[in-house]
Amino acid sequence: MVTGLAVAPEFIDELVDRFLHRIVRADRARPTGLNASEGWDSVTRDGATQDDLTGDAVTGDGESDAVVGADFADQVFSGERWIGRRFVDCRFTDADLRGLVTERCEFTECDFSRADLGESVHRGSALRACVFTRSTLTGASLVACSLLGSQFTDCRLRPITITDTDLTLTSLGGADLRETDLAGLRMREANLVGADLRGSSLRGANLSGARLSGARLEGADLRDAVLEPTGLTTARLAGARVDVAIAVGFARAHGLLVDLTGAD
């Protein structure tokens, strides 16, 4: 009769690891927290690890890892600091991101609908093809960022600081950007239809191909801006400051014959 069985400790450890791994896999839920101030190997507030945060969609390795398809709806990340993180097709709907600081982060095709990004700071980050519907960005600061192809609808934006940022193909139709400094920004083919830009500075901005139909530009500074004068024909321009090139182009777009030589 066998009364005992000697088993190698390594074998026992392996069995325990496999058992625990299966329990974690079976009980895995959507990501519920991300302490972005720590590394990917850290434990979050709710005990989730890197695998929990990214599900089975981890791509790349090391700092290039991306969170793909995760649901962060209603989560609180207020005041956190994220560096070098990547998010693809993630949901941040109704999330509390107030005071969040991001540096060199990438958000691609993410949904920030109704999220609070007030007082948040973003440096060198990219938010490409993202959706902002009824989101709050009051007091936010974006420096050397890219908002390429992102869409803003019924958002609270003022006051906002945008410096050296790419707004190419960004949709800001109907946005309230009164008295906002947009000088020197890249806004190629941006949708500014019906946007309220009264008193704003667009000096030196690249607005080539931008849609300005119905935009309110009263009192705005358009000097040295790159734009197509025909795009201003339906905009409201009373009191706007323009340079000679824009004034001449605007006049010609309205059918006037401009004589700059003074000759009869």
Protein backbone atom coordinates (compact mmCIF):
# COMPACT_ATOMS: atom_id res chain seq x y z
CA MET A 1 0.00 0.00 0.00
CA VAL A 2 1.36 3.36 -1.03
CA THR A 3 1.26 5.84 1.86
CA GLY A 4 3.11 8.75 0.28
CA LEU A 5 4.21 10.15 -3.05
CA ALA A 6 7.18 12.39 -3.56
CA VAL A 7 6.49 15.15 -6.09
CA ALA A 8 9.03 17.65 -7.31
CA PRO A 9 8.31 21.20 -6.06
CA GLU A 10 8.74 22.53 -9.62
CA PHE A 11 5.87 20.31 -10.81
CA ILE A 12 3.58 21.57 -8.04
CA ASP A 13 4.40 25.19 -8.88
CA GLU A 14 3.60 24.57 -12.53
CA LEU A 15 0.23 23.02 -11.69
CA VAL A 16 -0.68 25.95 -9.43
CA ASP A 17 0.30 28.48 -12.12
CA ARG A 18 -1.81 26.72 -14.73
CA PHE A 19 -4.79 26.52 -12.38
CA LEU A 20 -4.62 30.21 -11.50
CA HIS A 21 -4.13 31.17 -15.14
CA ARG A 22 -7.32 29.34 -16.10
CA ILE A 23 -9.27 31.04 -13.32
CA VAL A 24 -8.10 34.49 -14.45
CA ARG A 25 -8.96 33.72 -18.08
CA ALA A 26 -12.42 32.46 -17.18
CA ASP A 27 -13.20 35.41 -14.95
CA ARG A 28 -11.73 38.13 -17.14
CA ALA A 29 -13.98 41.15 -17.59
CA ARG A 30 -13.73 44.41 -19.43
CA PRO A 31 -10.91 46.71 -18.26
CA THR A 32 -12.04 48.76 -15.33
CA GLY A 33 -9.02 50.84 -14.39
CA LEU A 34 -5.68 52.06 -15.65
CA ASN A 35 -3.07 53.59 -13.45
CA ALA A 36 -1.20 55.24 -16.27
CA SER A 37 1.45 56.74 -14.03
CA GLU A 38 2.93 53.26 -13.58
CA GLY A 39 4.38 50.84 -16.11
CA TRP A 40 2.49 48.23 -18.10
CA ASP A 41 3.51 45.52 -15.63
CA SER A 42 1.96 47.36 -12.71
CA VAL A 43 -1.31 46.43 -11.03
CA THR A 44 -4.20 48.85 -11.47
CA ARG A 45 -6.63 50.06 -8.86
CA ASP A 46 -8.91 47.09 -9.56
CA GLY A 47 -6.14 44.52 -9.71
CA ALA A 48 -6.01 44.28 -13.51
CA THR A 49 -2.71 43.55 -15.19
CA GLN A 50 -1.49 44.51 -18.65
CA ASP A 51 -3.30 41.53 -20.18
CA ASP A 52 -6.54 42.59 -18.50
CA LEU A 53 -6.22 46.09 -19.90
CA THR A 54 -5.67 44.96 -23.46
CA GLY A 55 -7.61 41.70 -23.55
CA ASP A 56 -6.20 39.40 -26.20
CA ALA A 57 -5.41 42.25 -28.55
CA VAL A 58 -1.92 43.22 -27.37
CA THR A 59 0.18 44.26 -30.34
CA GLY A 60 3.89 44.81 -30.53
CA ASP A 61 6.11 44.63 -27.49
CA GLY A 62 7.58 46.89 -24.83
CA GLU A 63 6.65 50.56 -25.19
CA SER A 64 4.92 49.89 -28.54
CA ASP A 65 2.12 47.82 -26.94
CA ALA A 66 -1.35 49.12 -27.77
CA VAL A 67 -4.66 48.83 -25.98
CA VAL A 68 -7.13 47.72 -28.67
CA GLY A 69 -10.92 47.73 -28.48
CA ALA A 70 -11.08 48.31 -24.72
CA ASP A 71 -14.09 49.81 -22.97
CA PHE A 72 -13.23 52.56 -20.46
CA ALA A 73 -16.75 54.02 -20.34
CA ASP A 74 -17.58 55.86 -17.09
CA GLN A 75 -14.08 55.25 -15.69
CA VAL A 76 -12.22 57.86 -13.64
CA PHE A 77 -8.70 58.82 -14.71
CA SER A 78 -8.78 62.36 -13.37
CA GLY A 79 -5.35 63.84 -12.67
CA GLU A 80 -3.39 60.88 -13.98
CA ARG A 81 -0.33 61.10 -16.22
CA TRP A 82 0.08 58.88 -19.26
CA ILE A 83 3.33 58.69 -21.19
CA GLY A 84 3.84 56.88 -24.50
CA ARG A 85 0.58 54.93 -24.37
CA ARG A 86 -1.32 53.77 -27.45
CA PHE A 87 -5.07 53.21 -27.72
CA VAL A 88 -6.89 51.93 -30.80
CA ASP A 89 -10.69 51.79 -31.20
CA CYS A 90 -11.26 52.28 -27.46
CA ARG A 91 -14.33 53.75 -25.75
CA PHE A 92 -13.85 56.59 -23.25
CA THR A 93 -17.53 57.59 -23.29
CA ASP A 94 -18.65 59.47 -20.18
CA ALA A 95 -15.17 58.98 -18.69
CA ASP A 96 -13.72 61.44 -16.19
CA LEU A 97 -10.44 62.57 -17.77
CA ARG A 98 -10.36 65.95 -16.09
CA GLY A 99 -6.82 67.14 -15.46
CA LEU A 100 -5.37 64.16 -17.32
CA VAL A 101 -1.84 64.73 -18.67
CA THR A 102 -0.69 62.84 -21.77
CA GLU A 103 2.74 62.94 -23.35
CA ARG A 104 3.53 61.28 -26.68
CA CYS A 105 0.35 59.19 -26.47
CA GLU A 106 -1.63 57.96 -29.46
CA PHE A 107 -5.40 57.60 -29.66
CA THR A 108 -6.70 56.22 -32.94
CA GLU A 109 -10.42 55.96 -33.75
CA CYS A 110 -11.37 56.30 -30.09
CA ASP A 111 -14.73 57.54 -28.83
CA PHE A 112 -14.67 60.37 -26.27
CA SER A 113 -18.39 61.15 -26.42
CA ARG A 114 -19.57 63.02 -23.30
CA ALA A 115 -16.14 62.60 -21.71
CA ASP A 116 -14.82 65.35 -19.43
CA LEU A 117 -11.36 66.44 -20.58
CA GLY A 118 -11.53 69.81 -18.87
CA GLU A 119 -8.16 71.20 -17.73
CA SER A 120 -6.39 68.26 -19.40
CA VAL A 121 -2.92 68.78 -20.88
CA HIS A 122 -1.62 67.02 -23.98
CA ARG A 123 1.94 67.35 -25.25
CA GLY A 124 3.08 65.68 -28.45
CA SER A 125 0.04 63.39 -28.40
CA ALA A 126 -2.05 62.30 -31.38
CA LEU A 127 -5.83 61.93 -31.35
CA ARG A 128 -6.50 60.78 -34.87
CA ALA A 129 -9.96 60.03 -36.30
CA CYS A 130 -11.46 60.26 -32.81
CA VAL A 131 -15.05 61.21 -31.98
CA PHE A 132 -15.90 63.96 -29.51
CA THR A 133 -19.66 64.38 -29.12
CA ARG A 134 -20.90 66.66 -26.34
CA SER A 135 -17.49 66.38 -24.74
CA THR A 136 -15.99 68.98 -22.41
CA LEU A 137 -12.54 70.43 -23.17
CA THR A 138 -12.77 73.76 -21.33
CA GLY A 139 -9.38 74.81 -20.05
CA ALA A 140 -7.63 72.04 -21.99
CA SER A 141 -4.20 72.57 -23.52
CA LEU A 142 -2.83 70.88 -26.64
CA VAL A 143 0.80 71.49 -27.58
CA ALA A 144 2.44 69.95 -30.66
CA CYS A 145 -0.44 67.51 -31.04
CA SER A 146 -2.35 66.04 -33.98
CA LEU A 147 -6.13 65.94 -34.26
CA LEU A 148 -6.06 64.65 -37.82
CA GLY A 149 -9.52 63.63 -38.98
CA SER A 150 -11.16 63.93 -35.55
CA GLN A 151 -14.75 65.10 -35.22
CA PHE A 152 -16.11 67.55 -32.64
CA THR A 153 -19.88 67.88 -32.29
CA ASP A 154 -21.69 70.04 -29.71
CA CYS A 155 -18.59 70.21 -27.53
CA ARG A 156 -17.67 72.74 -24.84
CA LEU A 157 -14.32 74.10 -26.03
CA ARG A 158 -13.82 77.56 -24.53
CA PRO A 159 -11.38 78.53 -23.25
CA ILE A 160 -8.90 76.20 -24.90
CA THR A 161 -5.19 76.52 -25.73
CA ILE A 162 -4.02 75.02 -29.02
CA THR A 163 -0.38 75.50 -30.01
CA ASP A 164 1.59 74.06 -32.94
CA THR A 165 -1.12 71.46 -33.50
CA ASP A 166 -2.32 69.79 -36.71
CA LEU A 167 -6.07 70.17 -37.30
CA THR A 168 -6.00 68.84 -40.85
CA LEU A 169 -9.34 67.28 -41.85
CA THR A 170 -10.70 67.98 -38.38
CA SER A 171 -14.44 68.59 -38.22
CA LEU A 172 -15.34 71.64 -36.13
CA GLY A 173 -18.62 72.49 -37.81
CA GLY A 174 -20.69 74.80 -35.62
CA ALA A 175 -17.98 74.88 -32.92
CA ASP A 176 -17.79 77.85 -30.56
CA LEU A 177 -14.21 79.08 -30.84
CA ARG A 178 -14.74 82.76 -30.17
CA GLU A 179 -11.59 84.71 -29.29
CA THR A 180 -9.49 81.54 -29.52
CA ASP A 181 -5.87 81.79 -30.61
CA LEU A 182 -5.50 79.52 -33.65
CA ALA A 183 -2.59 81.41 -35.18
CA GLY A 184 -0.21 79.40 -37.32
CA LEU A 185 -2.12 76.14 -37.01
CA ARG A 186 -2.40 73.59 -39.80
CA MET A 187 -6.11 73.44 -40.63
CA ARG A 188 -6.00 72.09 -44.17
CA GLU A 189 -9.39 70.84 -45.41
CA ALA A 190 -10.88 71.34 -41.95
CA ASN A 191 -14.65 71.57 -41.63
CA LEU A 192 -15.43 75.00 -40.17
CA VAL A 193 -18.94 75.26 -41.60
CA GLY A 194 -21.01 77.46 -39.31
CA ALA A 195 -18.19 77.69 -36.75
CA ASP A 196 -18.17 80.76 -34.50
CA LEU A 197 -14.72 82.28 -34.84
CA ARG A 198 -15.56 85.83 -33.90
CA GLY A 199 -12.55 87.68 -32.53
CA SER A 200 -10.30 84.66 -32.98
CA SER A 201 -6.79 84.79 -34.38
CA LEU A 202 -6.16 82.76 -37.51
CA ARG A 203 -3.10 84.75 -38.44
CA GLY A 204 -0.69 82.64 -40.50
CA ALA A 205 -2.93 79.58 -40.25
CA ASN A 206 -3.02 77.16 -43.16
CA LEU A 207 -6.68 77.00 -44.17
CA SER A 208 -6.16 75.67 -47.68
CA GLY A 209 -9.19 73.65 -48.71
CA ALA A 210 -10.98 74.43 -45.44
CA ARG A 211 -14.77 74.69 -45.58
CA LEU A 212 -15.83 78.07 -44.24
CA SER A 213 -19.42 78.29 -45.45
CA GLY A 214 -21.48 80.25 -42.94
CA ALA A 215 -18.55 80.67 -40.57
CA ARG A 216 -18.66 83.72 -38.32
CA LEU A 217 -15.40 85.58 -38.72
CA GLU A 218 -16.39 89.03 -37.53
CA GLY A 219 -13.39 90.71 -35.94
CA ALA A 220 -11.14 87.72 -36.65
CA ASP A 221 -7.50 88.17 -37.67
CA LEU A 222 -6.89 86.49 -41.04
CA ARG A 223 -3.66 88.23 -41.97
CA ASP A 224 -1.07 85.99 -43.62
CA ALA A 225 -3.48 83.06 -43.54
CA VAL A 226 -3.31 80.57 -46.40
CA LEU A 227 -6.82 80.16 -47.76
CA GLU A 228 -8.90 80.19 -50.88
CA PRO A 229 -10.75 83.54 -51.07
CA THR A 230 -13.72 81.84 -52.73
CA GLY A 231 -14.23 79.97 -49.46
CA LEU A 232 -15.02 83.28 -47.76
CA THR A 233 -17.87 84.28 -50.06
CA THR A 234 -20.54 82.96 -47.69
CA ALA A 235 -18.69 83.66 -44.44
CA ARG A 236 -19.55 86.64 -42.23
CA LEU A 237 -16.55 88.94 -42.24
CA ALA A 238 -17.54 92.33 -40.81
CA GLY A 239 -14.52 93.84 -39.09
CA ALA A 240 -12.17 90.96 -39.96
CA ARG A 241 -8.53 91.95 -40.47
CA VAL A 242 -7.01 90.76 -43.75
CA ASP A 243 -3.90 91.48 -45.75
CA VAL A 244 -3.81 92.81 -49.31
CA ALA A 245 -3.57 89.37 -50.92
CA ILE A 246 -6.70 88.11 -49.18
CA ALA A 247 -8.58 91.36 -49.82
CA VAL A 248 -7.79 91.25 -53.53
CA GLY A 249 -8.68 87.57 -53.80
CA PHE A 250 -11.95 88.16 -51.96
CA ALA A 251 -12.84 91.05 -54.25
CA ARG A 252 -12.12 89.00 -57.34
CA ALA A 253 -14.16 86.08 -55.94
CA HIS A 254 -17.08 88.51 -55.88
CA GLY A 255 -16.59 89.46 -59.50
CA LEU A 256 -14.75 92.73 -59.01
CA LEU A 257 -11.99 93.81 -61.39
CA VAL A 258 -9.09 94.80 -59.16
CA ASP A 259 -6.61 97.29 -60.60
CA LEU A 260 -3.47 97.49 -58.52
CA THR A 261 -1.53 99.56 -61.04
CA GLY A 262 -3.69 102.66 -60.81
CA ALA A 263 -3.69 102.94 -64.59
CA ASP A 264 -6.78 104.09 -66.49
